[in-house]
Amino acid sequence: MFSNFFKGILIGAGAILPGISSGVLCVIFGLYENLLNSVLGFFKNIKKNFKFLFPICSGGLLGVLIFSKLLNYMLYAYPLQTKSTFVGLILSTVPSLIKDVNKKEKFRLHYLFYLIAALILGLLSVFLEKKVPVISGTSYNYFYLLFCGFMMSVGIIVPGVSSTIILMLLGVYSSYLTSVSSLYMPILIPIAIGLVLGSLVFMRVTKYCLDHFYAETFYTIIGFTLGSILVIWPDFTPDLSGVFSFLCMMIGPIFAIMKK
């Protein structure tokens, strides 16, 4: 139970860290399919599913509360180094995803089509992120925040799709992060309602895809993961700060190698 609680903290952090998908962390921790089955089949065995879900969900909530304050400070004080670390962490998840899918299904050439298509969509998100105007926090309305929460659930449920990037594209990420740090309910409540509704929808969609198109779904996930990197790609500078930022990017791959 304590192990799942700690994993939940990291999964919660993935819900707010730019470019990092909670779904990817669930896959890496070996929890993803069990989480889908426990939530969708919760009332089939309430005691068993509650025992499994409670430490993960409570840890996730704690992770959001802890890392929202820390991230707010890091992005303000050390934006280049923080983004570099995130990029390195994302890159380090890709080999794990490829390894997982190849365990279940032998590689076929047409799987690359799904990877490339998702990569193009990821690159398109970079373009949109730069073109979408930043919306003032005073202009949000309840239904727009509800929609943002609904779309945010894609990043929570679908591995490789970052919920923070979705919120960036919708122009609410900064307000969301500040609201989590200060527990500002007028923004958090409608986002939370949309998130719950969207999660139920996309859990069923994702489970169907995994049950019927496992390899295709995972290569699509990998493509989204690679494409999402450019949304937060740091602007390296040819000085000491740039060198240190590059070293920060190496943290994720180094940990991945050490884990092997």
C-alpha atoms as a PDB file:
ATOM      1  CA  MET A   1       0.000   0.000   0.000  1.00  0.00           C
ATOM      2  CA  PHE A   2       2.822   2.440   0.838  1.00  0.00           C
ATOM      3  CA  SER A   3       4.467   1.672  -2.504  1.00  0.00           C
ATOM      4  CA  ASN A   4       1.285   2.610  -4.382  1.00  0.00           C
ATOM      5  CA  PHE A   5       0.939   5.757  -2.246  1.00  0.00           C
ATOM      6  CA  PHE A   6       4.455   6.874  -3.242  1.00  0.00           C
ATOM      7  CA  LYS A   7       3.749   6.063  -6.888  1.00  0.00           C
ATOM      8  CA  GLY A   8       0.551   8.101  -6.560  1.00  0.00           C
ATOM      9  CA  ILE A   9       2.588  11.127  -5.430  1.00  0.00           C
ATOM     10  CA  LEU A  10       4.712  10.900  -8.584  1.00  0.00           C
ATOM     11  CA  ILE A  11       1.627  10.392 -10.750  1.00  0.00           C
ATOM     12  CA  GLY A  12       0.077  13.493  -9.175  1.00  0.00           C
ATOM     13  CA  ALA A  13       3.230  15.419 -10.007  1.00  0.00           C
ATOM     14  CA  GLY A  14       2.857  14.227 -13.593  1.00  0.00           C
ATOM     15  CA  ALA A  15      -0.549  15.895 -13.712  1.00  0.00           C
ATOM     16  CA  ILE A  16       0.990  19.354 -13.330  1.00  0.00           C
ATOM     17  CA  LEU A  17       4.534  19.078 -14.686  1.00  0.00           C
ATOM     18  CA  PRO A  18       4.696  20.426 -18.261  1.00  0.00           C
ATOM     19  CA  GLY A  19       5.156  17.710 -20.875  1.00  0.00           C
ATOM     20  CA  ILE A  20       5.010  14.813 -18.396  1.00  0.00           C
ATOM     21  CA  SER A  21       2.007  12.533 -18.707  1.00  0.00           C
ATOM     22  CA  SER A  22       0.440  10.891 -15.672  1.00  0.00           C
ATOM     23  CA  GLY A  23      -0.628   8.084 -17.977  1.00  0.00           C
ATOM     24  CA  VAL A  24       2.983   7.403 -18.986  1.00  0.00           C
ATOM     25  CA  LEU A  25       3.995   7.195 -15.320  1.00  0.00           C
ATOM     26  CA  CYS A  26       1.147   4.751 -14.675  1.00  0.00           C
ATOM     27  CA  VAL A  27       2.414   2.575 -17.531  1.00  0.00           C
ATOM     28  CA  ILE A  28       6.017   2.688 -16.260  1.00  0.00           C
ATOM     29  CA  PHE A  29       4.886   1.781 -12.723  1.00  0.00           C
ATOM     30  CA  GLY A  30       2.823  -1.125 -14.071  1.00  0.00           C
ATOM     31  CA  LEU A  31      -0.449   0.340 -12.766  1.00  0.00           C
ATOM     32  CA  TYR A  32      -2.155   1.554 -15.915  1.00  0.00           C
ATOM     33  CA  GLU A  33      -4.357  -1.357 -16.961  1.00  0.00           C
ATOM     34  CA  ASN A  34      -5.207  -2.221 -13.342  1.00  0.00           C
ATOM     35  CA  LEU A  35      -6.264   1.390 -12.761  1.00  0.00           C
ATOM     36  CA  LEU A  36      -8.556   1.330 -15.788  1.00  0.00           C
ATOM     37  CA  ASN A  37     -10.122  -1.967 -14.719  1.00  0.00           C
ATOM     38  CA  SER A  38     -10.522  -0.876 -11.071  1.00  0.00           C
ATOM     39  CA  VAL A  39     -12.214   2.417 -11.899  1.00  0.00           C
ATOM     40  CA  LEU A  40     -14.473   1.106 -14.664  1.00  0.00           C
ATOM     41  CA  GLY A  41     -15.371  -2.007 -12.648  1.00  0.00           C
ATOM     42  CA  PHE A  42     -15.407  -0.316  -9.241  1.00  0.00           C
ATOM     43  CA  PHE A  43     -18.871  -1.541  -8.191  1.00  0.00           C
ATOM     44  CA  LYS A  44     -18.125  -5.139  -9.184  1.00  0.00           C
ATOM     45  CA  ASN A  45     -15.792  -5.482  -6.182  1.00  0.00           C
ATOM     46  CA  ILE A  46     -15.936  -2.295  -4.136  1.00  0.00           C
ATOM     47  CA  LYS A  47     -13.707  -3.463  -1.260  1.00  0.00           C
ATOM     48  CA  LYS A  48     -10.889  -4.752  -3.468  1.00  0.00           C
ATOM     49  CA  ASN A  49     -10.969  -1.804  -5.864  1.00  0.00           C
ATOM     50  CA  PHE A  50     -11.134   0.771  -3.059  1.00  0.00           C
ATOM     51  CA  LYS A  51      -8.133  -0.838  -1.363  1.00  0.00           C
ATOM     52  CA  PHE A  52      -6.186  -0.586  -4.616  1.00  0.00           C
ATOM     53  CA  LEU A  53      -7.311   2.918  -5.638  1.00  0.00           C
ATOM     54  CA  PHE A  54      -7.244   4.767  -2.303  1.00  0.00           C
ATOM     55  CA  PRO A  55      -3.444   4.946  -1.764  1.00  0.00           C
ATOM     56  CA  ILE A  56      -2.864   5.893  -5.401  1.00  0.00           C
ATOM     57  CA  CYS A  57      -5.545   8.615  -5.430  1.00  0.00           C
ATOM     58  CA  SER A  58      -4.574  10.060  -2.036  1.00  0.00           C
ATOM     59  CA  GLY A  59      -0.909  10.052  -3.075  1.00  0.00           C
ATOM     60  CA  GLY A  60      -1.839  11.736  -6.354  1.00  0.00           C
ATOM     61  CA  LEU A  61      -3.684  14.517  -4.539  1.00  0.00           C
ATOM     62  CA  LEU A  62      -0.713  15.064  -2.240  1.00  0.00           C
ATOM     63  CA  GLY A  63       1.615  15.107  -5.262  1.00  0.00           C
ATOM     64  CA  VAL A  64      -0.442  17.839  -6.910  1.00  0.00           C
ATOM     65  CA  LEU A  65      -0.454  19.983  -3.758  1.00  0.00           C
ATOM     66  CA  ILE A  66       3.284  19.555  -3.102  1.00  0.00           C
ATOM     67  CA  PHE A  67       4.643  19.977  -6.602  1.00  0.00           C
ATOM     68  CA  SER A  68       2.355  22.851  -7.614  1.00  0.00           C
ATOM     69  CA  LYS A  69       4.110  25.191  -5.162  1.00  0.00           C
ATOM     70  CA  LEU A  70       7.566  23.880  -6.001  1.00  0.00           C
ATOM     71  CA  LEU A  71       6.949  24.052  -9.753  1.00  0.00           C
ATOM     72  CA  ASN A  72       5.575  27.576  -9.539  1.00  0.00           C
ATOM     73  CA  TYR A  73       8.854  28.682  -7.954  1.00  0.00           C
ATOM     74  CA  MET A  74      11.139  26.673 -10.270  1.00  0.00           C
ATOM     75  CA  LEU A  75       9.517  27.921 -13.474  1.00  0.00           C
ATOM     76  CA  TYR A  76       9.827  31.488 -12.221  1.00  0.00           C
ATOM     77  CA  ALA A  77      13.382  31.290 -10.830  1.00  0.00           C
ATOM     78  CA  TYR A  78      15.020  28.749 -13.196  1.00  0.00           C
ATOM     79  CA  PRO A  79      12.838  28.431 -16.321  1.00  0.00           C
ATOM     80  CA  LEU A  80      15.564  27.160 -18.699  1.00  0.00           C
ATOM     81  CA  GLN A  81      16.947  24.524 -16.335  1.00  0.00           C
ATOM     82  CA  THR A  82      13.459  23.396 -15.250  1.00  0.00           C
ATOM     83  CA  LYS A  83      12.234  22.917 -18.824  1.00  0.00           C
ATOM     84  CA  SER A  84      15.462  21.092 -19.724  1.00  0.00           C
ATOM     85  CA  THR A  85      14.918  18.639 -16.865  1.00  0.00           C
ATOM     86  CA  PHE A  86      11.361  17.983 -18.034  1.00  0.00           C
ATOM     87  CA  VAL A  87      12.523  17.294 -21.606  1.00  0.00           C
ATOM     88  CA  GLY A  88      15.088  14.801 -20.317  1.00  0.00           C
ATOM     89  CA  LEU A  89      12.461  13.049 -18.215  1.00  0.00           C
ATOM     90  CA  ILE A  90      10.137  12.728 -21.199  1.00  0.00           C
ATOM     91  CA  LEU A  91      12.880  11.318 -23.426  1.00  0.00           C
ATOM     92  CA  SER A  92      13.759   8.746 -20.786  1.00  0.00           C
ATOM     93  CA  THR A  93      10.195   7.342 -20.831  1.00  0.00           C
ATOM     94  CA  VAL A  94      10.215   6.503 -24.557  1.00  0.00           C
ATOM     95  CA  PRO A  95      12.442   3.371 -24.358  1.00  0.00           C
ATOM     96  CA  SER A  96      10.217   2.003 -21.570  1.00  0.00           C
ATOM     97  CA  LEU A  97       7.133   2.425 -23.733  1.00  0.00           C
ATOM     98  CA  ILE A  98       8.779   0.691 -26.712  1.00  0.00           C
ATOM     99  CA  LYS A  99       9.944  -2.142 -24.479  1.00  0.00           C
ATOM    100  CA  ASP A 100       6.444  -2.625 -23.044  1.00  0.00           C
ATOM    101  CA  VAL A 101       4.718  -2.819 -26.414  1.00  0.00           C
ATOM    102  CA  ASN A 102       7.307  -5.184 -27.914  1.00  0.00           C
ATOM    103  CA  LYS A 103       6.801  -7.580 -25.018  1.00  0.00           C
ATOM    104  CA  LYS A 104       3.204  -8.170 -26.061  1.00  0.00           C
ATOM    105  CA  GLU A 105       3.299  -7.819 -29.850  1.00  0.00           C
ATOM    106  CA  LYS A 106       6.009  -8.253 -32.435  1.00  0.00           C
ATOM    107  CA  PHE A 107       6.939  -5.056 -34.283  1.00  0.00           C
ATOM    108  CA  ARG A 108       5.321  -4.505 -37.677  1.00  0.00           C
ATOM    109  CA  LEU A 109       6.281  -1.796 -40.141  1.00  0.00           C
ATOM    110  CA  HIS A 110       2.823  -0.216 -40.338  1.00  0.00           C
ATOM    111  CA  TYR A 111       3.041   0.637 -36.628  1.00  0.00           C
ATOM    112  CA  LEU A 112       5.363   3.474 -37.672  1.00  0.00           C
ATOM    113  CA  PHE A 113       2.423   5.132 -39.430  1.00  0.00           C
ATOM    114  CA  TYR A 114       0.680   5.613 -36.092  1.00  0.00           C
ATOM    115  CA  LEU A 115       3.869   6.934 -34.504  1.00  0.00           C
ATOM    116  CA  ILE A 116       4.484   9.420 -37.335  1.00  0.00           C
ATOM    117  CA  ALA A 117       0.847  10.573 -37.447  1.00  0.00           C
ATOM    118  CA  ALA A 118       0.834  11.204 -33.697  1.00  0.00           C
ATOM    119  CA  LEU A 119       4.221  12.943 -33.961  1.00  0.00           C
ATOM    120  CA  ILE A 120       2.819  15.297 -36.601  1.00  0.00           C
ATOM    121  CA  LEU A 121      -0.146  16.073 -34.354  1.00  0.00           C
ATOM    122  CA  GLY A 122       2.306  16.735 -31.535  1.00  0.00           C
ATOM    123  CA  LEU A 123       4.253  19.134 -33.741  1.00  0.00           C
ATOM    124  CA  LEU A 124       0.983  20.792 -34.745  1.00  0.00           C
ATOM    125  CA  SER A 125       0.302  21.372 -31.057  1.00  0.00           C
ATOM    126  CA  VAL A 126       3.576  23.327 -30.895  1.00  0.00           C
ATOM    127  CA  PHE A 127       2.354  25.578 -33.677  1.00  0.00           C
ATOM    128  CA  LEU A 128      -1.043  26.021 -32.047  1.00  0.00           C
ATOM    129  CA  GLU A 129       0.527  26.720 -28.658  1.00  0.00           C
ATOM    130  CA  LYS A 130       2.366  29.688 -30.177  1.00  0.00           C
ATOM    131  CA  LYS A 131      -0.689  30.949 -32.063  1.00  0.00           C
ATOM    132  CA  VAL A 132      -3.355  30.584 -29.374  1.00  0.00           C
ATOM    133  CA  PRO A 133      -3.660  33.867 -27.463  1.00  0.00           C
ATOM    134  CA  VAL A 134      -3.183  33.765 -23.701  1.00  0.00           C
ATOM    135  CA  ILE A 135      -6.540  34.349 -22.042  1.00  0.00           C
ATOM    136  CA  SER A 136      -6.764  36.635 -19.050  1.00  0.00           C
ATOM    137  CA  GLY A 137      -7.701  34.960 -15.782  1.00  0.00           C
ATOM    138  CA  THR A 138     -10.626  37.347 -15.386  1.00  0.00           C
ATOM    139  CA  SER A 139     -12.205  36.237 -18.659  1.00  0.00           C
ATOM    140  CA  TYR A 140     -12.747  32.578 -17.750  1.00  0.00           C
ATOM    141  CA  ASN A 141     -16.324  31.443 -17.392  1.00  0.00           C
ATOM    142  CA  TYR A 142     -17.690  28.333 -15.693  1.00  0.00           C
ATOM    143  CA  PHE A 143     -18.456  26.401 -18.879  1.00  0.00           C
ATOM    144  CA  TYR A 144     -15.066  27.148 -20.423  1.00  0.00           C
ATOM    145  CA  LEU A 145     -13.313  25.870 -17.288  1.00  0.00           C
ATOM    146  CA  LEU A 146     -15.565  22.805 -17.361  1.00  0.00           C
ATOM    147  CA  PHE A 147     -14.465  22.206 -20.961  1.00  0.00           C
ATOM    148  CA  CYS A 148     -10.809  22.677 -19.954  1.00  0.00           C
ATOM    149  CA  GLY A 149     -11.195  20.043 -17.237  1.00  0.00           C
ATOM    150  CA  PHE A 150     -12.852  17.671 -19.707  1.00  0.00           C
ATOM    151  CA  MET A 151      -9.987  18.088 -22.196  1.00  0.00           C
ATOM    152  CA  MET A 152      -7.415  17.877 -19.385  1.00  0.00           C
ATOM    153  CA  SER A 153      -8.658  14.353 -18.694  1.00  0.00           C
ATOM    154  CA  VAL A 154      -7.183  13.266 -22.045  1.00  0.00           C
ATOM    155  CA  GLY A 155      -3.721  13.937 -20.629  1.00  0.00           C
ATOM    156  CA  ILE A 156      -4.547  12.242 -17.339  1.00  0.00           C
ATOM    157  CA  ILE A 157      -5.936   9.081 -18.944  1.00  0.00           C
ATOM    158  CA  VAL A 158      -4.106   8.715 -22.265  1.00  0.00           C
ATOM    159  CA  PRO A 159      -0.404   7.866 -21.811  1.00  0.00           C
ATOM    160  CA  GLY A 160       1.921  10.178 -23.710  1.00  0.00           C
ATOM    161  CA  VAL A 161      -0.507  13.094 -23.869  1.00  0.00           C
ATOM    162  CA  SER A 162       0.361  15.759 -21.307  1.00  0.00           C
ATOM    163  CA  SER A 163      -2.564  17.407 -19.550  1.00  0.00           C
ATOM    164  CA  THR A 164      -0.435  20.479 -18.866  1.00  0.00           C
ATOM    165  CA  ILE A 165       0.212  20.969 -22.574  1.00  0.00           C
ATOM    166  CA  ILE A 166      -3.537  20.789 -23.186  1.00  0.00           C
ATOM    167  CA  LEU A 167      -4.071  23.458 -20.531  1.00  0.00           C
ATOM    168  CA  MET A 168      -1.293  25.551 -22.098  1.00  0.00           C
ATOM    169  CA  LEU A 169      -3.037  25.337 -25.477  1.00  0.00           C
ATOM    170  CA  LEU A 170      -6.312  26.369 -23.851  1.00  0.00           C
ATOM    171  CA  GLY A 171      -4.557  29.269 -22.117  1.00  0.00           C
ATOM    172  CA  VAL A 172      -5.354  28.294 -18.546  1.00  0.00           C
ATOM    173  CA  TYR A 173      -2.190  26.561 -17.307  1.00  0.00           C
ATOM    174  CA  SER A 174      -0.789  29.506 -15.322  1.00  0.00           C
ATOM    175  CA  SER A 175      -4.140  30.176 -13.658  1.00  0.00           C
ATOM    176  CA  TYR A 176      -4.598  26.472 -12.940  1.00  0.00           C
ATOM    177  CA  LEU A 177      -1.158  26.176 -11.326  1.00  0.00           C
ATOM    178  CA  THR A 178      -1.716  29.288  -9.214  1.00  0.00           C
ATOM    179  CA  SER A 179      -5.191  28.081  -8.208  1.00  0.00           C
ATOM    180  CA  VAL A 180      -3.819  24.698  -7.065  1.00  0.00           C
ATOM    181  CA  SER A 181      -1.136  26.442  -5.020  1.00  0.00           C
ATOM    182  CA  SER A 182      -3.653  28.749  -3.335  1.00  0.00           C
ATOM    183  CA  LEU A 183      -6.651  26.339  -3.409  1.00  0.00           C
ATOM    184  CA  TYR A 184      -8.739  28.894  -5.347  1.00  0.00           C
ATOM    185  CA  MET A 185     -12.016  26.958  -5.673  1.00  0.00           C
ATOM    186  CA  PRO A 186     -13.869  29.120  -8.270  1.00  0.00           C
ATOM    187  CA  ILE A 187     -11.377  27.825 -10.861  1.00  0.00           C
ATOM    188  CA  LEU A 188     -10.598  24.397  -9.374  1.00  0.00           C
ATOM    189  CA  ILE A 189     -14.192  23.171  -8.915  1.00  0.00           C
ATOM    190  CA  PRO A 190     -15.388  23.467 -12.556  1.00  0.00           C
ATOM    191  CA  ILE A 191     -12.070  22.049 -13.811  1.00  0.00           C
ATOM    192  CA  ALA A 192     -12.426  19.124 -11.378  1.00  0.00           C
ATOM    193  CA  ILE A 193     -16.007  18.396 -12.504  1.00  0.00           C
ATOM    194  CA  GLY A 194     -14.963  18.432 -16.159  1.00  0.00           C
ATOM    195  CA  LEU A 195     -11.967  16.251 -15.308  1.00  0.00           C
ATOM    196  CA  VAL A 196     -14.126  13.564 -13.672  1.00  0.00           C
ATOM    197  CA  LEU A 197     -16.625  13.512 -16.549  1.00  0.00           C
ATOM    198  CA  GLY A 198     -13.885  13.398 -19.152  1.00  0.00           C
ATOM    199  CA  SER A 199     -11.959  10.687 -17.305  1.00  0.00           C
ATOM    200  CA  LEU A 200     -14.951   8.343 -17.357  1.00  0.00           C
ATOM    201  CA  VAL A 201     -15.352   8.877 -21.102  1.00  0.00           C
ATOM    202  CA  PHE A 202     -11.695   8.539 -22.091  1.00  0.00           C
ATOM    203  CA  MET A 203     -11.082   5.578 -19.785  1.00  0.00           C
ATOM    204  CA  ARG A 204     -13.624   3.578 -21.747  1.00  0.00           C
ATOM    205  CA  VAL A 205     -12.208   4.778 -25.067  1.00  0.00           C
ATOM    206  CA  THR A 206      -8.633   3.960 -24.032  1.00  0.00           C
ATOM    207  CA  LYS A 207      -9.566   0.530 -22.660  1.00  0.00           C
ATOM    208  CA  TYR A 208     -11.308  -0.330 -25.925  1.00  0.00           C
ATOM    209  CA  CYS A 209      -8.245   0.757 -27.937  1.00  0.00           C
ATOM    210  CA  LEU A 210      -5.869  -1.245 -25.735  1.00  0.00           C
ATOM    211  CA  ASP A 211      -8.088  -4.328 -25.884  1.00  0.00           C
ATOM    212  CA  HIS A 212      -8.463  -4.257 -29.673  1.00  0.00           C
ATOM    213  CA  PHE A 213      -5.475  -2.272 -31.030  1.00  0.00           C
ATOM    214  CA  TYR A 214      -2.755  -2.628 -28.400  1.00  0.00           C
ATOM    215  CA  ALA A 215       0.377  -2.013 -30.498  1.00  0.00           C
ATOM    216  CA  GLU A 216      -1.212   0.703 -32.636  1.00  0.00           C
ATOM    217  CA  THR A 217      -2.358   2.519 -29.505  1.00  0.00           C
ATOM    218  CA  PHE A 218       1.072   2.361 -27.886  1.00  0.00           C
ATOM    219  CA  TYR A 219       2.934   3.605 -30.961  1.00  0.00           C
ATOM    220  CA  THR A 220       0.461   6.481 -31.120  1.00  0.00           C
ATOM    221  CA  ILE A 221       1.309   7.189 -27.472  1.00  0.00           C
ATOM    222  CA  ILE A 222       5.030   7.237 -28.314  1.00  0.00           C
ATOM    223  CA  GLY A 223       4.418   9.667 -31.183  1.00  0.00           C
ATOM    224  CA  PHE A 224       2.478  12.037 -28.931  1.00  0.00           C
ATOM    225  CA  THR A 225       5.236  11.806 -26.332  1.00  0.00           C
ATOM    226  CA  LEU A 226       7.949  12.774 -28.821  1.00  0.00           C
ATOM    227  CA  GLY A 227       5.847  15.540 -30.366  1.00  0.00           C
ATOM    228  CA  SER A 228       5.002  17.065 -27.007  1.00  0.00           C
ATOM    229  CA  ILE A 229       8.668  17.685 -26.249  1.00  0.00           C
ATOM    230  CA  LEU A 230       8.884  20.662 -28.606  1.00  0.00           C
ATOM    231  CA  VAL A 231       6.142  22.475 -26.701  1.00  0.00           C
ATOM    232  CA  ILE A 232       8.525  22.967 -23.785  1.00  0.00           C
ATOM    233  CA  TRP A 233      11.851  22.741 -25.649  1.00  0.00           C
ATOM    234  CA  PRO A 234      14.167  25.267 -23.954  1.00  0.00           C
ATOM    235  CA  ASP A 235      16.026  27.979 -25.864  1.00  0.00           C
ATOM    236  CA  PHE A 236      19.612  27.012 -25.102  1.00  0.00           C
ATOM    237  CA  THR A 237      22.139  29.825 -24.859  1.00  0.00           C
ATOM    238  CA  PRO A 238      25.895  29.501 -25.623  1.00  0.00           C
ATOM    239  CA  ASP A 239      26.998  30.276 -22.089  1.00  0.00           C
ATOM    240  CA  LEU A 240      27.378  28.651 -18.681  1.00  0.00           C
ATOM    241  CA  SER A 241      23.613  28.719 -18.133  1.00  0.00           C
ATOM    242  CA  GLY A 242      23.070  26.859 -21.417  1.00  0.00           C
ATOM    243  CA  VAL A 243      25.640  24.207 -20.503  1.00  0.00           C
ATOM    244  CA  PHE A 244      24.049  23.696 -17.079  1.00  0.00           C
ATOM    245  CA  SER A 245      20.615  23.427 -18.718  1.00  0.00           C
ATOM    246  CA  PHE A 246      21.908  20.728 -21.048  1.00  0.00           C
ATOM    247  CA  LEU A 247      23.276  18.831 -18.042  1.00  0.00           C
ATOM    248  CA  CYS A 248      19.833  19.098 -16.428  1.00  0.00           C
ATOM    249  CA  MET A 249      18.388  17.490 -19.553  1.00  0.00           C
ATOM    250  CA  MET A 250      20.659  14.489 -19.019  1.00  0.00           C
ATOM    251  CA  ILE A 251      19.182  13.717 -15.573  1.00  0.00           C
ATOM    252  CA  GLY A 252      16.267  11.674 -16.917  1.00  0.00           C
ATOM    253  CA  PRO A 253      18.297   9.491 -19.333  1.00  0.00           C
ATOM    254  CA  ILE A 254      20.979   8.906 -16.661  1.00  0.00           C
ATOM    255  CA  PHE A 255      18.369   7.644 -14.191  1.00  0.00           C
ATOM    256  CA  ALA A 256      16.880   5.446 -16.930  1.00  0.00           C
ATOM    257  CA  ILE A 257      20.305   3.884 -17.587  1.00  0.00           C
ATOM    258  CA  MET A 258      20.982   3.385 -13.874  1.00  0.00           C
ATOM    259  CA  LYS A 259      17.592   1.689 -13.506  1.00  0.00           C
ATOM    260  CA  LYS A 260      18.660  -0.934 -16.062  1.00  0.00           C
END
